[in-house]
């Protein structure tokens, strides 16, 4: 299983403020995992020397990033 490293970046100057390990089957699964977590700062996902992607912080006050495949509750209930 490939290993990835998630770097949290300072929102003002972009320097790394924290890092954590992430295990995923592939790049797609790793990107899905970091998108579903929602972050309050920008993050970058790396696999060794290869940058997989960067994710912007969740909008202010958002508890999570909405999943476009799931209908909002009011639409689901009709």
Protein backbone atom coordinates (compact mmCIF):
# COMPACT_ATOMS: atom_id res chain seq x y z
CA UNK A 1 0.00 0.00 0.00
CA UNK A 2 1.56 3.33 -1.05
CA UNK A 3 2.49 5.82 1.61
CA UNK A 4 1.67 9.48 1.30
CA UNK A 5 2.54 12.54 3.33
CA UNK A 6 0.06 15.34 3.93
CA UNK A 7 1.63 18.74 4.54
CA UNK A 8 -0.38 21.50 6.22
CA UNK A 9 0.63 24.94 4.94
CA UNK A 10 0.50 28.31 6.66
CA UNK A 11 -2.31 30.25 4.93
CA UNK A 12 -0.31 33.49 4.72
CA UNK A 13 3.17 32.44 3.61
CA UNK A 14 2.74 28.80 2.52
CA UNK A 15 5.42 27.31 4.76
CA UNK A 16 4.85 23.83 6.11
CA UNK A 17 3.43 23.90 9.63
CA UNK A 18 2.68 20.20 10.13
CA UNK A 19 2.89 16.85 8.37
CA UNK A 20 1.13 13.55 8.77
CA UNK A 21 1.36 10.12 7.16
CA UNK A 22 -1.50 8.81 5.05
CA UNK A 23 -1.91 5.28 3.71
CA UNK A 24 -4.05 4.70 0.63
CA UNK A 25 -4.31 2.16 -2.18
CA UNK A 26 -3.56 4.74 -4.89
CA UNK A 27 -3.42 8.47 -5.69
CA UNK A 28 -7.17 8.68 -6.33
CA UNK A 29 -8.03 7.18 -2.93
CA UNK A 30 -5.51 9.44 -1.18
CA UNK A 31 -6.94 12.58 -2.82
CA UNK A 32 -10.47 11.49 -1.95
CA UNK A 33 -9.42 11.01 1.67
CA UNK A 34 -7.94 14.49 2.05
CA UNK A 35 -10.90 16.14 0.30
CA UNK A 36 -13.35 14.40 2.63
CA UNK A 37 -11.46 15.49 5.75
CA UNK A 38 -11.87 19.23 5.14
CA UNK A 39 -9.04 21.42 6.37
CA UNK A 40 -8.88 24.92 7.79
CA UNK A 41 -5.54 25.58 6.04
CA UNK A 42 -4.21 24.68 2.57
CA UNK A 43 -2.70 21.19 2.33
CA UNK A 44 -0.45 19.40 -0.15
CA UNK A 45 -0.33 15.66 -0.73
CA UNK A 46 3.00 14.08 -1.69
CA UNK A 47 4.21 10.58 -2.47
CA UNK A 48 7.97 10.65 -2.10
CA UNK A 49 9.22 13.45 -4.38
CA UNK A 50 6.00 13.45 -6.42
CA UNK A 51 3.37 16.08 -5.62
CA UNK A 52 -0.07 14.52 -5.98
CA UNK A 53 -2.16 17.62 -5.40
CA UNK A 54 -3.06 20.63 -3.30
CA UNK A 55 -6.38 21.28 -1.57
CA UNK A 56 -7.66 24.69 -0.53
CA UNK A 57 -9.08 25.13 2.96
CA UNK A 58 -12.76 24.48 3.59
CA UNK A 59 -14.90 27.64 3.45
CA UNK A 60 -15.12 29.56 6.72
CA UNK A 61 -17.66 27.94 9.02
CA UNK A 62 -18.06 24.79 6.91
CA UNK A 63 -18.04 21.61 8.96
CA UNK A 64 -17.09 19.50 5.94
CA UNK A 65 -16.81 19.56 2.17
CA UNK A 66 -20.14 18.47 0.70
CA UNK A 67 -20.11 15.28 -1.33
CA UNK A 68 -21.64 16.01 -4.77
CA UNK A 69 -22.87 12.42 -5.01
CA UNK A 70 -25.09 12.79 -1.95
CA UNK A 71 -28.26 14.86 -2.23
CA UNK A 72 -28.96 17.45 0.47
CA UNK A 73 -31.48 16.22 3.03
CA UNK A 74 -34.26 18.55 1.87
CA UNK A 75 -33.92 17.26 -1.75
CA UNK A 76 -33.80 13.65 -0.61
CA UNK A 77 -37.01 14.03 1.41
CA UNK A 78 -38.77 15.81 -1.45
